């Protein structure tokens, strides 16, 4: 995924924002429940992953900003960030899952910015591969 972001940003030496979205479970109609929010460990894992990607991009000479957020609807949150920060392109991981729909299409439909989906294997497929 970083390779695609570097490929898109290199010609113009663009500013890059690495965004991490933590999943919030539950519905918006019920009372807030702290058990449905990401816990400290999940938040730290997300933060470490975002910082690792940002440091890799910084080592290649890019100006990188980092953002972390919580949301029930990740495509909607990414679209809000894209509009607010005036992104010119978005690169997202496209896991090999069949139940969540096309994340790239949902983001592009909401914000009208080109979305580049990079296919990755889901955790289930990585475990199933022979060693």
N, C-alpha and C. Protein backbone atom coordinates (compact mmCIF):
# COMPACT_ATOMS: atom_id res chain seq x y z
N UNK A 1 0.83 -1.18 0.00
CA UNK A 1 0.00 0.00 0.00
C UNK A 1 0.88 1.25 0.00
N UNK A 2 1.96 1.22 0.75
CA UNK A 2 2.88 2.36 0.77
C UNK A 2 3.48 2.60 -0.61
N UNK A 3 3.76 1.52 -1.33
CA UNK A 3 4.36 1.66 -2.66
C UNK A 3 3.43 2.44 -3.59
N UNK A 4 2.13 2.17 -3.52
CA UNK A 4 1.18 2.89 -4.37
C UNK A 4 1.09 4.36 -3.97
N UNK A 5 1.12 4.65 -2.67
CA UNK A 5 1.09 6.04 -2.19
C UNK A 5 2.34 6.78 -2.65
N UNK A 6 3.48 6.13 -2.57
CA UNK A 6 4.74 6.75 -3.01
C UNK A 6 4.71 7.00 -4.50
N UNK A 7 4.18 6.03 -5.26
CA UNK A 7 4.09 6.17 -6.71
C UNK A 7 3.23 7.37 -7.11
N UNK A 8 2.12 7.59 -6.40
CA UNK A 8 1.23 8.71 -6.71
C UNK A 8 1.81 10.05 -6.25
N UNK A 9 2.53 10.05 -5.14
CA UNK A 9 3.01 11.31 -4.55
C UNK A 9 4.34 11.78 -5.11
N UNK A 10 5.13 10.90 -5.69
CA UNK A 10 6.49 11.24 -6.13
C UNK A 10 6.55 12.34 -7.19
N UNK A 11 5.78 12.31 -8.27
CA UNK A 11 5.95 13.34 -9.31
C UNK A 11 5.78 14.76 -8.79
N UNK A 12 4.87 14.98 -7.87
CA UNK A 12 4.62 16.32 -7.36
C UNK A 12 5.22 16.53 -5.98
N UNK A 13 5.86 15.53 -5.44
CA UNK A 13 6.38 15.54 -4.07
C UNK A 13 5.29 16.05 -3.11
N UNK A 14 4.16 15.38 -3.15
CA UNK A 14 2.96 15.79 -2.42
C UNK A 14 3.09 15.56 -0.92
N UNK A 15 2.28 16.28 -0.17
CA UNK A 15 2.14 16.03 1.26
C UNK A 15 1.26 14.80 1.42
N UNK A 16 1.61 13.95 2.36
CA UNK A 16 0.88 12.71 2.57
C UNK A 16 0.30 12.71 3.97
N UNK A 17 -0.95 12.29 4.09
CA UNK A 17 -1.59 12.11 5.39
C UNK A 17 -1.84 10.63 5.59
N UNK A 18 -1.29 10.07 6.66
CA UNK A 18 -1.54 8.68 7.02
C UNK A 18 -2.66 8.69 8.05
N UNK A 19 -3.77 8.07 7.72
CA UNK A 19 -4.96 8.12 8.56
C UNK A 19 -5.29 6.73 9.09
N UNK A 20 -5.52 6.63 10.38
CA UNK A 20 -5.93 5.38 11.01
C UNK A 20 -7.33 5.54 11.56
N UNK A 21 -8.23 4.62 11.21
CA UNK A 21 -9.61 4.67 11.68
C UNK A 21 -9.87 3.46 12.57
N UNK A 22 -10.22 3.71 13.82
CA UNK A 22 -10.56 2.63 14.75
C UNK A 22 -12.06 2.35 14.64
N UNK A 23 -12.41 1.09 14.61
CA UNK A 23 -13.81 0.68 14.45
C UNK A 23 -14.56 0.83 15.77
N UNK A 24 -15.74 1.47 15.71
CA UNK A 24 -16.65 1.58 16.84
C UNK A 24 -17.81 0.66 16.52
N UNK A 25 -18.15 -0.23 17.45
CA UNK A 25 -19.23 -1.19 17.21
C UNK A 25 -20.53 -0.67 17.81
N UNK A 26 -21.63 -1.26 17.42
CA UNK A 26 -22.92 -0.88 17.95
C UNK A 26 -23.67 0.01 16.98
N UNK A 27 -24.81 0.51 17.44
CA UNK A 27 -25.62 1.38 16.61
C UNK A 27 -25.63 2.78 17.17
N UNK A 28 -25.98 3.73 16.38
CA UNK A 28 -26.01 5.11 16.84
C UNK A 28 -27.31 5.42 17.57
N UNK A 29 -28.26 4.48 17.57
CA UNK A 29 -29.55 4.72 18.20
C UNK A 29 -29.55 4.42 19.70
N UNK A 30 -28.63 3.58 20.16
CA UNK A 30 -28.61 3.18 21.55
C UNK A 30 -27.81 4.13 22.42
N UNK A 31 -27.79 3.85 23.70
CA UNK A 31 -26.99 4.65 24.63
C UNK A 31 -25.51 4.35 24.42
N UNK A 32 -24.65 5.33 24.63
CA UNK A 32 -23.21 5.07 24.47
C UNK A 32 -22.74 4.00 25.45
N UNK A 33 -21.98 3.07 24.97
CA UNK A 33 -21.46 2.00 25.81
C UNK A 33 -19.95 1.96 25.63
N UNK A 34 -19.18 2.14 26.72
CA UNK A 34 -17.73 2.15 26.58
C UNK A 34 -17.15 0.84 26.05
N UNK A 35 -17.87 -0.25 26.19
CA UNK A 35 -17.40 -1.54 25.70
C UNK A 35 -17.40 -1.64 24.18
N UNK A 36 -18.09 -0.73 23.52
CA UNK A 36 -18.17 -0.74 22.08
C UNK A 36 -17.07 0.12 21.43
N UNK A 37 -16.39 0.91 22.24
CA UNK A 37 -15.29 1.75 21.77
C UNK A 37 -14.00 0.93 21.72
N UNK A 38 -13.03 1.34 20.90
CA UNK A 38 -11.74 0.63 20.91
C UNK A 38 -11.04 0.82 22.26
N UNK A 39 -10.47 -0.26 22.79
CA UNK A 39 -9.78 -0.15 24.07
C UNK A 39 -8.38 0.42 23.87
N UNK A 40 -7.67 0.63 24.97
CA UNK A 40 -6.34 1.25 24.89
C UNK A 40 -5.36 0.41 24.06
N UNK A 41 -5.42 -0.90 24.17
CA UNK A 41 -4.52 -1.77 23.42
C UNK A 41 -4.79 -1.65 21.91
N UNK A 42 -6.06 -1.72 21.51
CA UNK A 42 -6.41 -1.58 20.10
C UNK A 42 -6.00 -0.21 19.57
N UNK A 43 -6.21 0.82 20.37
CA UNK A 43 -5.84 2.18 19.97
C UNK A 43 -4.32 2.30 19.80
N UNK A 44 -3.56 1.67 20.71
CA UNK A 44 -2.10 1.73 20.63
C UNK A 44 -1.58 0.96 19.40
N UNK A 45 -2.18 -0.17 19.10
CA UNK A 45 -1.78 -0.94 17.91
C UNK A 45 -2.03 -0.11 16.65
N UNK A 46 -3.18 0.54 16.58
CA UNK A 46 -3.49 1.40 15.44
C UNK A 46 -2.50 2.56 15.34
N UNK A 47 -2.22 3.18 16.46
CA UNK A 47 -1.29 4.31 16.50
C UNK A 47 0.11 3.88 16.07
N UNK A 48 0.57 2.72 16.54
CA UNK A 48 1.89 2.21 16.17
C UNK A 48 1.97 1.93 14.66
N UNK A 49 0.92 1.35 14.11
CA UNK A 49 0.90 1.06 12.68
C UNK A 49 0.94 2.32 11.83
N UNK A 50 0.20 3.34 12.25
CA UNK A 50 0.19 4.61 11.52
C UNK A 50 1.55 5.29 11.62
N UNK A 51 2.14 5.28 12.81
CA UNK A 51 3.46 5.91 12.99
C UNK A 51 4.54 5.17 12.21
N UNK A 52 4.43 3.85 12.12
CA UNK A 52 5.41 3.07 11.35
C UNK A 52 5.34 3.43 9.86
N UNK A 53 4.11 3.53 9.33
CA UNK A 53 3.94 3.92 7.93
C UNK A 53 4.43 5.35 7.70
N UNK A 54 4.15 6.24 8.63
CA UNK A 54 4.59 7.63 8.49
C UNK A 54 6.11 7.75 8.53
N UNK A 55 6.75 6.99 9.40
CA UNK A 55 8.21 7.06 9.48
C UNK A 55 8.86 6.51 8.21
N UNK A 56 8.25 5.48 7.61
CA UNK A 56 8.76 4.94 6.34
C UNK A 56 8.66 5.99 5.24
N UNK A 57 7.53 6.70 5.19
CA UNK A 57 7.36 7.74 4.18
C UNK A 57 8.29 8.93 4.43
N UNK A 58 8.47 9.29 5.69
CA UNK A 58 9.40 10.39 6.03
C UNK A 58 10.83 10.04 5.63
N UNK A 59 11.21 8.77 5.80
CA UNK A 59 12.56 8.36 5.44
C UNK A 59 12.80 8.47 3.93
N UNK A 60 11.73 8.49 3.16
CA UNK A 60 11.83 8.65 1.70
C UNK A 60 11.71 10.11 1.27
N UNK A 61 11.65 11.03 2.25
CA UNK A 61 11.69 12.45 1.95
C UNK A 61 10.35 13.14 1.81
N UNK A 62 9.26 12.50 2.18
CA UNK A 62 7.94 13.13 2.07
C UNK A 62 7.57 13.86 3.35
N UNK A 63 6.77 14.90 3.20
CA UNK A 63 6.19 15.58 4.36
C UNK A 63 4.93 14.81 4.72
N UNK A 64 4.88 14.30 5.95
CA UNK A 64 3.80 13.41 6.34
C UNK A 64 3.08 13.94 7.57
N UNK A 65 1.74 13.92 7.50
CA UNK A 65 0.89 14.22 8.64
C UNK A 65 0.22 12.92 9.07
N UNK A 66 -0.12 12.83 10.34
CA UNK A 66 -0.73 11.63 10.89
C UNK A 66 -2.08 12.00 11.49
N UNK A 67 -3.08 11.15 11.28
CA UNK A 67 -4.39 11.37 11.86
C UNK A 67 -4.96 10.07 12.38
N UNK A 68 -5.63 10.15 13.53
CA UNK A 68 -6.31 8.99 14.12
C UNK A 68 -7.74 9.39 14.44
N UNK A 69 -8.66 8.47 14.20
CA UNK A 69 -10.05 8.77 14.46
C UNK A 69 -10.80 7.49 14.80
N UNK A 70 -12.00 7.66 15.37
CA UNK A 70 -12.88 6.53 15.66
C UNK A 70 -14.15 6.73 14.84
N UNK A 71 -14.71 5.64 14.33
CA UNK A 71 -15.92 5.77 13.55
C UNK A 71 -16.64 4.44 13.40
N UNK A 72 -17.96 4.51 13.30
CA UNK A 72 -18.74 3.32 12.97
C UNK A 72 -18.67 3.05 11.47
N UNK A 73 -18.48 4.11 10.70
CA UNK A 73 -18.50 4.02 9.24
C UNK A 73 -17.19 4.60 8.70
N UNK A 74 -16.20 3.73 8.45
CA UNK A 74 -14.87 4.18 8.03
C UNK A 74 -14.90 4.94 6.70
N UNK A 75 -15.62 4.49 5.66
CA UNK A 75 -15.64 5.26 4.42
C UNK A 75 -16.16 6.69 4.61
N UNK A 76 -17.15 6.84 5.46
CA UNK A 76 -17.71 8.16 5.72
C UNK A 76 -16.67 9.05 6.42
N UNK A 77 -15.93 8.50 7.38
CA UNK A 77 -14.91 9.27 8.09
C UNK A 77 -13.76 9.65 7.16
N UNK A 78 -13.33 8.72 6.31
CA UNK A 78 -12.25 9.01 5.36
C UNK A 78 -12.69 10.12 4.41
N UNK A 79 -13.94 10.09 3.97
CA UNK A 79 -14.46 11.12 3.08
C UNK A 79 -14.48 12.49 3.76
N UNK A 80 -14.84 12.51 5.04
CA UNK A 80 -14.83 13.78 5.78
C UNK A 80 -13.42 14.35 5.86
N UNK A 81 -12.45 13.50 6.17
CA UNK A 81 -11.05 13.93 6.22
C UNK A 81 -10.61 14.45 4.86
N UNK A 82 -10.99 13.73 3.80
CA UNK A 82 -10.57 14.11 2.44
C UNK A 82 -11.11 15.48 2.05
N UNK A 83 -12.37 15.74 2.38
CA UNK A 83 -12.96 17.04 2.06
C UNK A 83 -12.35 18.15 2.91
N UNK A 84 -12.19 17.88 4.20
CA UNK A 84 -11.68 18.90 5.11
C UNK A 84 -10.22 19.28 4.83
N UNK A 85 -9.41 18.30 4.44
CA UNK A 85 -7.98 18.54 4.21
C UNK A 85 -7.62 18.72 2.73
N UNK A 86 -8.64 18.72 1.86
CA UNK A 86 -8.44 18.94 0.43
C UNK A 86 -7.47 17.93 -0.19
N UNK A 87 -7.75 16.63 0.03
CA UNK A 87 -6.94 15.58 -0.56
C UNK A 87 -7.15 15.56 -2.07
N UNK A 88 -6.12 15.17 -2.81
CA UNK A 88 -6.23 15.05 -4.26
C UNK A 88 -6.39 13.59 -4.69
N UNK A 89 -5.97 12.66 -3.84
CA UNK A 89 -6.13 11.23 -4.11
C UNK A 89 -6.11 10.49 -2.78
N UNK A 90 -6.73 9.32 -2.76
CA UNK A 90 -6.79 8.49 -1.55
C UNK A 90 -6.32 7.09 -1.92
N UNK A 91 -5.46 6.52 -1.07
CA UNK A 91 -5.02 5.14 -1.24
C UNK A 91 -5.51 4.36 -0.02
N UNK A 92 -6.30 3.31 -0.26
CA UNK A 92 -6.83 2.49 0.83
C UNK A 92 -6.50 1.03 0.60
N UNK A 93 -6.42 0.30 1.69
CA UNK A 93 -6.26 -1.15 1.60
C UNK A 93 -7.60 -1.74 1.21
N UNK A 94 -7.58 -2.70 0.32
CA UNK A 94 -8.79 -3.37 -0.13
C UNK A 94 -8.68 -4.84 0.25
N UNK A 95 -9.07 -5.18 1.50
CA UNK A 95 -8.92 -6.57 1.93
C UNK A 95 -9.81 -7.50 1.13
N UNK A 96 -9.39 -8.74 1.07
CA UNK A 96 -10.11 -9.76 0.33
C UNK A 96 -11.28 -10.25 1.19
N UNK A 97 -12.30 -9.40 1.32
CA UNK A 97 -13.49 -9.75 2.11
C UNK A 97 -14.71 -9.56 1.22
N UNK A 98 -15.74 -10.34 1.50
CA UNK A 98 -16.93 -10.26 0.66
C UNK A 98 -18.12 -9.65 1.38
N UNK A 99 -18.03 -9.39 2.67
CA UNK A 99 -19.21 -8.96 3.41
C UNK A 99 -19.26 -7.46 3.67
N UNK A 100 -18.19 -6.71 3.45
CA UNK A 100 -18.21 -5.28 3.75
C UNK A 100 -18.50 -4.41 2.54
N UNK A 101 -18.50 -4.95 1.36
CA UNK A 101 -18.74 -4.15 0.17
C UNK A 101 -17.46 -3.53 -0.36
N UNK A 102 -17.61 -2.69 -1.33
CA UNK A 102 -16.47 -2.05 -1.98
C UNK A 102 -16.17 -0.73 -1.27
N UNK A 103 -15.16 -0.74 -0.41
CA UNK A 103 -14.80 0.43 0.39
C UNK A 103 -14.38 1.59 -0.50
N UNK A 104 -13.57 1.32 -1.52
CA UNK A 104 -13.08 2.37 -2.41
C UNK A 104 -14.25 3.07 -3.11
N UNK A 105 -15.22 2.29 -3.56
CA UNK A 105 -16.38 2.88 -4.25
C UNK A 105 -17.19 3.75 -3.29
N UNK A 106 -17.37 3.30 -2.05
CA UNK A 106 -18.12 4.08 -1.07
C UNK A 106 -17.45 5.42 -0.78
N UNK A 107 -16.12 5.39 -0.67
CA UNK A 107 -15.39 6.64 -0.39
C UNK A 107 -15.49 7.58 -1.59
N UNK A 108 -15.26 7.05 -2.78
CA UNK A 108 -15.29 7.88 -3.98
C UNK A 108 -16.68 8.46 -4.22
N UNK A 109 -17.70 7.70 -3.93
CA UNK A 109 -19.08 8.17 -4.10
C UNK A 109 -19.37 9.34 -3.15
N UNK A 110 -18.82 9.28 -1.94
CA UNK A 110 -19.08 10.32 -0.95
C UNK A 110 -18.32 11.62 -1.21
N UNK A 111 -17.07 11.51 -1.70
CA UNK A 111 -16.25 12.72 -1.78
C UNK A 111 -15.82 13.11 -3.19
N UNK A 112 -15.97 12.22 -4.17
CA UNK A 112 -15.64 12.56 -5.54
C UNK A 112 -14.15 12.66 -5.84
N UNK A 113 -13.30 12.16 -4.96
CA UNK A 113 -11.85 12.18 -5.14
C UNK A 113 -11.42 10.80 -5.63
N UNK A 114 -10.44 10.72 -6.54
CA UNK A 114 -9.99 9.40 -7.00
C UNK A 114 -9.48 8.54 -5.84
N UNK A 115 -9.97 7.32 -5.78
CA UNK A 115 -9.58 6.38 -4.72
C UNK A 115 -8.86 5.20 -5.36
N UNK A 116 -7.67 4.92 -4.87
CA UNK A 116 -6.87 3.81 -5.38
C UNK A 116 -6.87 2.71 -4.32
N UNK A 117 -7.52 1.60 -4.63
CA UNK A 117 -7.60 0.47 -3.71
C UNK A 117 -6.46 -0.50 -4.00
N UNK A 118 -5.70 -0.83 -2.96
CA UNK A 118 -4.59 -1.76 -3.08
C UNK A 118 -5.03 -3.08 -2.48
N UNK A 119 -5.13 -4.15 -3.28
CA UNK A 119 -5.60 -5.42 -2.74
C UNK A 119 -4.60 -6.04 -1.76
N UNK A 120 -5.12 -6.50 -0.64
CA UNK A 120 -4.32 -7.22 0.36
C UNK A 120 -5.11 -8.45 0.78
N UNK A 121 -4.41 -9.44 1.28
CA UNK A 121 -5.08 -10.64 1.78
C UNK A 121 -5.64 -10.39 3.16
N UNK A 122 -6.83 -10.89 3.43
CA UNK A 122 -7.40 -10.78 4.76
C UNK A 122 -6.66 -11.72 5.71
N UNK A 123 -6.87 -11.53 7.00
CA UNK A 123 -6.20 -12.36 8.00
C UNK A 123 -6.57 -13.83 7.85
N UNK A 124 -7.81 -14.13 7.44
CA UNK A 124 -8.25 -15.51 7.26
C UNK A 124 -7.45 -16.20 6.16
N UNK A 125 -7.19 -15.51 5.07
CA UNK A 125 -6.44 -16.10 3.96
C UNK A 125 -4.95 -16.24 4.30
N UNK A 126 -4.43 -15.33 5.10
CA UNK A 126 -3.01 -15.44 5.48
C UNK A 126 -2.78 -16.68 6.35
N UNK A 127 -3.73 -16.97 7.22
CA UNK A 127 -3.58 -18.14 8.08
C UNK A 127 -3.75 -19.42 7.28
N UNK A 128 -4.55 -19.39 6.21
CA UNK A 128 -4.84 -20.60 5.45
C UNK A 128 -3.71 -20.98 4.48
N UNK A 129 -2.80 -20.04 4.20
CA UNK A 129 -1.71 -20.35 3.26
C UNK A 129 -0.79 -21.40 3.82
N UNK A 130 -0.31 -22.32 2.98
CA UNK A 130 0.65 -23.31 3.46
C UNK A 130 1.99 -22.64 3.75
N UNK A 131 2.67 -23.12 4.76
CA UNK A 131 3.95 -22.51 5.17
C UNK A 131 5.09 -22.92 4.30
